[in-house]
Amino acid sequence: MLRCTETALLRFLQDKTGGKEGDIRQEAEVERLTTRLARFWSVPDGDVGLCSSVAEGVSILAESWDWRPGDNVVAVAHEYPSLAAPFAALPGVELRVVPDLAALRARADSRTRMVLASHVSFLDAERADLPGLREAADRVGAALVLDHTQAAGWCRIGAGIEDFGLAACYKWMLGITGIAIAHWNRARQPGWAPRTAGWHSIGAEWRPDWPERPLVPGAMRFNRGNPNHAGAYALHAALDFLEIYDAAALEAHVLALAGELRARCLEAGLPMLTPINHGASVCLPHPDTRAAIAALNQRGVWAWGGRGRIRVSFHGYNGGADLDSAFTALREVFSAP
């Protein structure tokens, strides 16, 4: 966590206890945040809203679509559950699982309604071919739904390529849990509306005896109840930090660190999952990830484990010394009996 997060959360607590004026300040922070995030993702104002998590946002999408028996959704086999699981239980809708983009093109057909993909894979850090995914979706008239969680914060996001996009904010965005970015591309999907709503997505003045349910005009219709105000304050602080740095230089720096670690590991004969078209992480297969992560921690290296692999990730605040430490620790862990 950033040190400025504590200051931001204290400011939220002060506003939370500030009566009506504090409420006004909280709502102003949310409105300012959605405008700021739209600029951060290079999309029009109003196209970005908030929800509590990627899983919630995708679930809202899944329940909102006009499905017909025999429709299908296509996703890559190692897709994260937040993106794929909401479609697995839809009655009459087939979740088609494919190994890669080539297979996706082959399996998508006239009954494919959505193509699901992560900008960067959580499992092996592969960076997706977004233009290729857009072409595959357009070829069959499907919507493209992207999860930017493993990219947002270090990678420039040009969200206009997608129909819908989401991202958690507690990773490279440097925010906290309980708040996620939800992008609705209104130019591509002008008629989209969720099937369920709450007081925030239809407006607090609505009453149950009204004949119509007037949804808010922008992507905040993803946010049915109270926004996570604390998360909004924390995310503003994170953006204050991220926006100090040139976005292109930050992306190049992170990719260079990950690429150098990958190259060193390959040269040393360590096993590798991450392909050359990688994101900010390097993933290595390991039979006992719990023990491997503990050994890395003992050597002063924080990494992630599970799913039969170790994942080492970089951000802009990392440098050559971190790269050296990570590589040395990995080599020792893999050489241990």
Protein backbone atom coordinates (compact mmCIF):
# COMPACT_ATOMS: atom_id res chain seq x y z
CA MET A 1 0.00 0.00 0.00
CA LEU A 2 1.04 3.58 -0.63
CA ARG A 3 1.67 5.72 2.41
CA CYS A 4 -0.73 8.33 1.02
CA THR A 5 -3.58 5.78 1.26
CA GLU A 6 -3.71 6.26 5.02
CA THR A 7 -4.11 10.01 4.61
CA ALA A 8 -6.83 9.48 2.01
CA LEU A 9 -8.78 7.09 4.24
CA LEU A 10 -8.54 9.46 7.19
CA ARG A 11 -9.97 12.20 4.97
CA PHE A 12 -12.84 9.86 4.08
CA LEU A 13 -13.52 9.20 7.77
CA GLN A 14 -13.61 12.93 8.45
CA ASP A 15 -16.11 13.46 5.64
CA LYS A 16 -18.14 10.45 6.79
CA THR A 17 -18.65 12.15 10.14
CA GLY A 18 -19.32 15.54 8.55
CA GLY A 19 -23.07 15.38 8.23
CA LYS A 20 -24.78 16.54 5.05
CA GLU A 21 -21.76 18.54 3.91
CA GLY A 22 -19.62 15.42 4.35
CA ASP A 23 -22.09 13.42 2.24
CA ILE A 24 -21.83 16.02 -0.51
CA ARG A 25 -18.04 15.80 -0.44
CA GLN A 26 -18.16 11.99 -0.65
CA GLU A 27 -20.41 12.05 -3.71
CA ALA A 28 -18.21 14.71 -5.30
CA GLU A 29 -15.19 12.40 -4.86
CA VAL A 30 -17.02 9.61 -6.69
CA GLU A 31 -18.11 11.86 -9.56
CA ARG A 32 -14.62 13.29 -9.89
CA LEU A 33 -13.18 9.76 -9.85
CA THR A 34 -15.30 8.44 -12.72
CA THR A 35 -14.36 11.45 -14.83
CA ARG A 36 -10.70 10.95 -13.97
CA LEU A 37 -10.81 7.23 -14.76
CA ALA A 38 -12.43 7.89 -18.13
CA ARG A 39 -9.46 10.10 -18.98
CA PHE A 40 -7.08 7.46 -17.60
CA TRP A 41 -8.61 4.87 -19.96
CA SER A 42 -8.96 7.26 -22.93
CA VAL A 43 -12.75 7.02 -23.20
CA PRO A 44 -15.55 9.63 -23.10
CA ASP A 45 -16.88 10.98 -19.81
CA GLY A 46 -19.80 8.90 -18.63
CA ASP A 47 -18.47 5.65 -20.09
CA VAL A 48 -16.76 4.67 -16.83
CA GLY A 49 -18.57 3.70 -13.65
CA LEU A 50 -17.81 1.75 -10.51
CA CYS A 51 -18.85 -1.54 -8.97
CA SER A 52 -17.63 -3.59 -6.04
CA SER A 53 -15.61 -6.15 -8.02
CA VAL A 54 -15.00 -7.53 -11.49
CA ALA A 55 -17.13 -10.55 -10.57
CA GLU A 56 -20.09 -8.31 -9.71
CA GLY A 57 -19.74 -6.24 -12.87
CA VAL A 58 -19.55 -9.31 -15.11
CA SER A 59 -22.52 -10.85 -13.31
CA ILE A 60 -24.55 -7.72 -14.05
CA LEU A 61 -23.58 -8.09 -17.71
CA ALA A 62 -24.43 -11.80 -17.77
CA GLU A 63 -27.90 -11.27 -16.34
CA SER A 64 -28.61 -8.26 -18.57
CA TRP A 65 -28.19 -9.91 -21.98
CA ASP A 66 -31.12 -11.04 -24.09
CA TRP A 67 -30.10 -14.69 -24.28
CA ARG A 68 -31.74 -17.23 -26.56
CA PRO A 69 -31.49 -21.02 -26.25
CA GLY A 70 -28.42 -22.19 -28.14
CA ASP A 71 -26.40 -19.01 -27.59
CA ASN A 72 -22.79 -19.37 -26.51
CA VAL A 73 -19.98 -17.41 -24.87
CA VAL A 74 -16.33 -18.13 -25.72
CA ALA A 75 -13.43 -17.83 -23.27
CA VAL A 76 -9.86 -19.08 -23.05
CA ALA A 77 -9.41 -22.13 -20.82
CA HIS A 78 -7.20 -20.43 -18.23
CA GLU A 79 -9.45 -17.41 -17.86
CA TYR A 80 -9.93 -16.12 -14.32
CA PRO A 81 -13.22 -17.22 -12.68
CA SER A 82 -14.40 -13.62 -12.16
CA LEU A 83 -14.78 -13.24 -15.92
CA ALA A 84 -16.00 -16.71 -16.91
CA ALA A 85 -17.93 -18.10 -13.93
CA PRO A 86 -20.99 -15.79 -14.20
CA PHE A 87 -21.75 -17.33 -17.60
CA ALA A 88 -21.25 -20.95 -16.54
CA ALA A 89 -24.61 -21.18 -14.76
CA LEU A 90 -26.77 -19.40 -17.35
CA PRO A 91 -29.56 -21.76 -18.44
CA GLY A 92 -29.48 -22.54 -22.15
CA VAL A 93 -26.18 -20.73 -22.73
CA GLU A 94 -23.03 -22.69 -23.58
CA LEU A 95 -19.68 -21.56 -22.17
CA ARG A 96 -17.17 -22.62 -24.82
CA VAL A 97 -13.65 -23.00 -23.50
CA VAL A 98 -10.76 -22.76 -25.98
CA PRO A 99 -6.97 -22.96 -25.58
CA ASP A 100 -5.97 -19.81 -27.52
CA LEU A 101 -6.99 -17.09 -29.96
CA ALA A 102 -6.70 -19.36 -32.99
CA ALA A 103 -9.10 -21.84 -31.43
CA LEU A 104 -11.37 -18.97 -30.38
CA ARG A 105 -11.69 -17.90 -34.00
CA ALA A 106 -12.54 -21.48 -34.95
CA ARG A 107 -15.16 -22.02 -32.21
CA ALA A 108 -16.92 -18.65 -32.36
CA ASP A 109 -19.97 -18.78 -34.64
CA SER A 110 -23.21 -16.99 -35.42
CA ARG A 111 -24.62 -17.94 -31.98
CA THR A 112 -21.65 -16.49 -30.09
CA ARG A 113 -22.90 -13.48 -28.15
CA MET A 114 -19.79 -12.60 -26.14
CA VAL A 115 -16.04 -13.13 -26.32
CA LEU A 116 -14.32 -13.01 -22.91
CA ALA A 117 -10.62 -12.33 -22.37
CA SER A 118 -8.10 -10.86 -19.96
CA HIS A 119 -5.82 -8.12 -21.21
CA VAL A 120 -3.03 -9.97 -19.38
CA SER A 121 -3.44 -13.50 -18.04
CA PHE A 122 -3.34 -13.98 -14.28
CA LEU A 123 -1.97 -17.49 -14.80
CA ASP A 124 1.01 -17.09 -17.11
CA ALA A 125 1.16 -13.29 -17.71
CA GLU A 126 0.52 -13.62 -21.45
CA ARG A 127 -0.45 -10.29 -22.99
CA ALA A 128 -3.50 -10.70 -25.21
CA ASP A 129 -3.75 -9.72 -28.86
CA LEU A 130 -6.54 -7.18 -28.35
CA PRO A 131 -6.96 -6.26 -32.05
CA GLY A 132 -7.14 -9.97 -32.83
CA LEU A 133 -9.82 -10.47 -30.19
CA ARG A 134 -11.76 -7.49 -31.55
CA GLU A 135 -11.58 -8.95 -35.06
CA ALA A 136 -12.72 -12.37 -33.84
CA ALA A 137 -15.69 -10.85 -32.01
CA ASP A 138 -16.67 -8.62 -34.93
CA ARG A 139 -16.49 -11.52 -37.37
CA VAL A 140 -19.46 -13.17 -35.62
CA GLY A 141 -21.17 -10.03 -34.29
CA ALA A 142 -20.29 -10.70 -30.65
CA ALA A 143 -19.53 -8.28 -27.83
CA LEU A 144 -15.96 -8.19 -26.53
CA VAL A 145 -15.66 -8.18 -22.73
CA LEU A 146 -12.19 -7.56 -21.31
CA ASP A 147 -10.73 -7.83 -17.82
CA HIS A 148 -7.88 -5.31 -17.41
CA THR A 149 -7.03 -6.22 -13.80
CA GLN A 150 -3.52 -7.50 -14.59
CA ALA A 151 -2.80 -4.51 -16.84
CA ALA A 152 -4.47 -1.40 -15.41
CA GLY A 153 -2.02 0.78 -13.51
CA TRP A 154 1.19 -0.06 -15.36
CA CYS A 155 -0.15 -0.43 -18.91
CA ARG A 156 -1.86 2.26 -20.97
CA ILE A 157 -5.50 1.23 -21.46
CA GLY A 158 -7.21 2.20 -24.70
CA ALA A 159 -10.61 0.89 -23.71
CA GLY A 160 -12.38 1.99 -26.87
CA ILE A 161 -11.53 -1.39 -28.43
CA GLU A 162 -13.96 -3.27 -26.18
CA ASP A 163 -17.71 -3.32 -25.65
CA PHE A 164 -17.33 -3.68 -21.89
CA GLY A 165 -14.24 -3.67 -19.71
CA LEU A 166 -13.56 -4.08 -16.02
CA ALA A 167 -10.62 -3.93 -13.66
CA ALA A 168 -10.03 -4.52 -9.98
CA CYS A 169 -8.24 -1.62 -8.28
CA TYR A 170 -6.16 -3.35 -5.59
CA LYS A 171 -3.29 -4.51 -7.81
CA TRP A 172 -1.26 -2.21 -10.08
CA MET A 173 -3.87 0.53 -9.63
CA LEU A 174 -2.59 0.66 -6.02
CA GLY A 175 -6.06 1.08 -4.52
CA ILE A 176 -7.97 -1.14 -2.10
CA THR A 177 -10.46 -3.98 -2.43
CA GLY A 178 -14.20 -3.43 -2.72
CA ILE A 179 -14.05 -1.08 -5.70
CA ALA A 180 -13.64 -1.88 -9.40
CA ILE A 181 -13.71 0.04 -12.67
CA ALA A 182 -16.62 -0.73 -15.04
CA HIS A 183 -16.46 0.55 -18.62
CA TRP A 184 -19.52 0.63 -20.87
CA ASN A 185 -18.69 1.57 -24.46
CA ARG A 186 -21.86 3.46 -25.26
CA ALA A 187 -20.81 4.01 -28.87
CA ARG A 188 -20.71 0.24 -29.46
CA GLN A 189 -23.57 -0.78 -27.16
CA PRO A 190 -25.90 2.25 -26.98
CA GLY A 191 -28.95 0.30 -25.86
CA TRP A 192 -27.44 -1.69 -23.01
CA ALA A 193 -29.25 -1.68 -19.69
CA PRO A 194 -28.95 -3.94 -16.64
CA ARG A 195 -32.01 -5.96 -15.70
CA THR A 196 -31.66 -5.18 -12.00
CA ALA A 197 -31.13 -1.86 -10.30
CA GLY A 198 -30.78 -0.14 -6.95
CA TRP A 199 -31.35 3.32 -5.63
CA HIS A 200 -28.03 4.61 -6.92
CA SER A 201 -28.37 3.29 -10.48
CA ILE A 202 -31.89 4.66 -10.94
CA GLY A 203 -31.68 7.72 -8.69
CA ALA A 204 -32.73 8.15 -5.08
CA GLU A 205 -35.97 9.96 -6.04
CA TRP A 206 -37.49 6.86 -7.66
CA ARG A 207 -40.53 5.30 -5.96
CA PRO A 208 -41.93 1.77 -6.41
CA ASP A 209 -45.25 3.16 -7.69
CA TRP A 210 -43.61 4.90 -10.65
CA PRO A 211 -44.51 3.22 -13.98
CA GLU A 212 -40.94 3.50 -15.30
CA ARG A 213 -37.48 2.80 -13.92
CA PRO A 214 -35.25 5.62 -15.22
CA LEU A 215 -31.66 4.33 -15.14
CA VAL A 216 -28.83 6.82 -14.81
CA PRO A 217 -27.51 7.65 -18.29
CA GLY A 218 -23.87 6.59 -17.87
CA ALA A 219 -21.84 3.63 -16.67
CA MET A 220 -22.68 4.29 -13.01
CA ARG A 221 -25.68 2.08 -13.72
CA PHE A 222 -23.19 -0.67 -12.84
CA ASN A 223 -23.32 0.69 -9.27
CA ARG A 224 -26.64 -0.34 -7.76
CA GLY A 225 -26.11 0.75 -4.15
CA ASN A 226 -23.80 3.04 -2.25
CA PRO A 227 -20.44 3.39 -3.99
CA ASN A 228 -17.37 2.38 -2.02
CA HIS A 229 -16.53 5.91 -0.91
CA ALA A 230 -13.46 4.82 1.03
CA GLY A 231 -12.21 3.04 -2.08
CA ALA A 232 -12.79 6.19 -4.14
CA TYR A 233 -10.69 8.30 -1.77
CA ALA A 234 -7.93 5.67 -1.81
CA LEU A 235 -8.01 5.43 -5.61
CA HIS A 236 -7.69 9.20 -5.99
CA ALA A 237 -4.53 9.03 -3.88
CA ALA A 238 -3.21 6.19 -6.05
CA LEU A 239 -3.91 8.13 -9.24
CA ASP A 240 -2.17 11.17 -7.78
CA PHE A 241 0.89 8.96 -7.44
CA LEU A 242 0.61 7.17 -10.79
CA GLU A 243 0.02 10.34 -12.76
CA ILE A 244 3.32 11.83 -11.60
CA TYR A 245 5.01 9.52 -14.09
CA ASP A 246 4.83 9.40 -17.86
CA ALA A 247 2.51 6.51 -18.78
CA ALA A 248 4.56 5.33 -21.77
CA ALA A 249 7.80 5.40 -19.76
CA LEU A 250 6.17 3.51 -16.89
CA GLU A 251 4.92 0.79 -19.24
CA ALA A 252 8.31 0.45 -20.91
CA HIS A 253 10.07 0.29 -17.54
CA VAL A 254 7.81 -2.48 -16.22
CA LEU A 255 8.01 -4.54 -19.41
CA ALA A 256 11.80 -4.21 -19.43
CA LEU A 257 12.08 -5.51 -15.86
CA ALA A 258 9.78 -8.46 -16.51
CA GLY A 259 11.49 -9.22 -19.82
CA GLU A 260 14.94 -9.18 -18.22
CA LEU A 261 13.88 -11.51 -15.41
CA ARG A 262 12.31 -13.89 -17.92
CA ALA A 263 15.49 -13.86 -20.04
CA ARG A 264 17.74 -14.51 -17.04
CA CYS A 265 15.57 -17.38 -15.85
CA LEU A 266 15.62 -19.00 -19.29
CA GLU A 267 19.38 -18.55 -19.56
CA ALA A 268 19.78 -20.20 -16.15
CA GLY A 269 17.65 -23.17 -17.24
CA LEU A 270 14.72 -22.40 -14.94
CA PRO A 271 11.27 -23.60 -16.07
CA MET A 272 9.09 -20.92 -17.63
CA LEU A 273 5.37 -20.42 -18.24
CA THR A 274 5.39 -16.80 -19.38
CA PRO A 275 5.61 -16.31 -23.18
CA ILE A 276 7.57 -13.58 -24.90
CA ASN A 277 4.44 -11.42 -25.29
CA HIS A 278 4.23 -10.90 -21.53
CA GLY A 279 2.85 -8.33 -19.13
CA ALA A 280 4.25 -7.13 -15.81
CA SER A 281 4.74 -10.61 -14.33
CA VAL A 282 6.94 -13.65 -14.82
CA CYS A 283 5.47 -17.05 -13.97
CA LEU A 284 7.44 -20.22 -13.32
CA PRO A 285 5.91 -23.67 -12.74
CA HIS A 286 6.67 -25.27 -9.38
CA PRO A 287 5.32 -28.46 -7.75
CA ASP A 288 5.07 -26.95 -4.24
CA THR A 289 4.19 -23.30 -4.55
CA ARG A 290 3.47 -22.82 -0.85
CA ALA A 291 6.97 -23.90 0.11
CA ALA A 292 8.51 -21.96 -2.77
CA ILE A 293 6.75 -18.72 -1.83
CA ALA A 294 7.79 -19.14 1.81
CA ALA A 295 11.40 -19.63 0.69
CA LEU A 296 11.24 -16.51 -1.47
CA ASN A 297 9.78 -14.52 1.43
CA GLN A 298 12.65 -15.64 3.64
CA ARG A 299 15.00 -14.19 1.03
CA GLY A 300 13.19 -10.86 1.05
CA VAL A 301 11.21 -11.40 -2.16
CA TRP A 302 7.42 -11.09 -2.13
CA ALA A 303 5.75 -13.17 -4.83
CA TRP A 304 2.45 -14.92 -5.45
CA GLY A 305 1.80 -18.65 -5.70
CA GLY A 306 -0.89 -21.20 -6.46
CA ARG A 307 -2.19 -22.97 -9.55
CA GLY A 308 1.15 -24.79 -9.78
CA ARG A 309 3.20 -21.67 -10.45
CA ILE A 310 5.14 -18.82 -8.88
CA ARG A 311 4.30 -15.31 -10.09
CA VAL A 312 6.81 -12.47 -9.67
CA SER A 313 5.44 -9.02 -10.58
CA PHE A 314 6.93 -5.58 -11.18
CA HIS A 315 5.67 -2.01 -10.95
CA GLY A 316 7.23 1.37 -11.57
CA TYR A 317 8.67 1.57 -8.06
CA ASN A 318 10.78 -1.55 -8.71
CA GLY A 319 14.26 -1.29 -10.15
CA GLY A 320 17.40 -3.21 -10.98
CA ALA A 321 18.13 -4.16 -7.38
CA ASP A 322 14.69 -5.79 -7.08
CA LEU A 323 15.29 -7.64 -10.33
CA ASP A 324 18.64 -8.94 -9.07
CA SER A 325 17.13 -10.03 -5.74
CA ALA A 326 14.23 -11.82 -7.42
CA PHE A 327 16.46 -13.69 -9.86
CA THR A 328 18.95 -14.75 -7.17
CA ALA A 329 16.17 -15.96 -4.89
CA LEU A 330 14.43 -17.88 -7.68
CA ARG A 331 17.63 -19.60 -8.70
CA GLU A 332 18.29 -20.64 -5.09
CA VAL A 333 14.72 -21.90 -4.62
CA PHE A 334 14.83 -24.00 -7.79
CA SER A 335 18.26 -25.40 -6.96
CA ALA A 336 17.28 -26.40 -3.41
CA PRO A 337 16.91 -30.16 -2.84
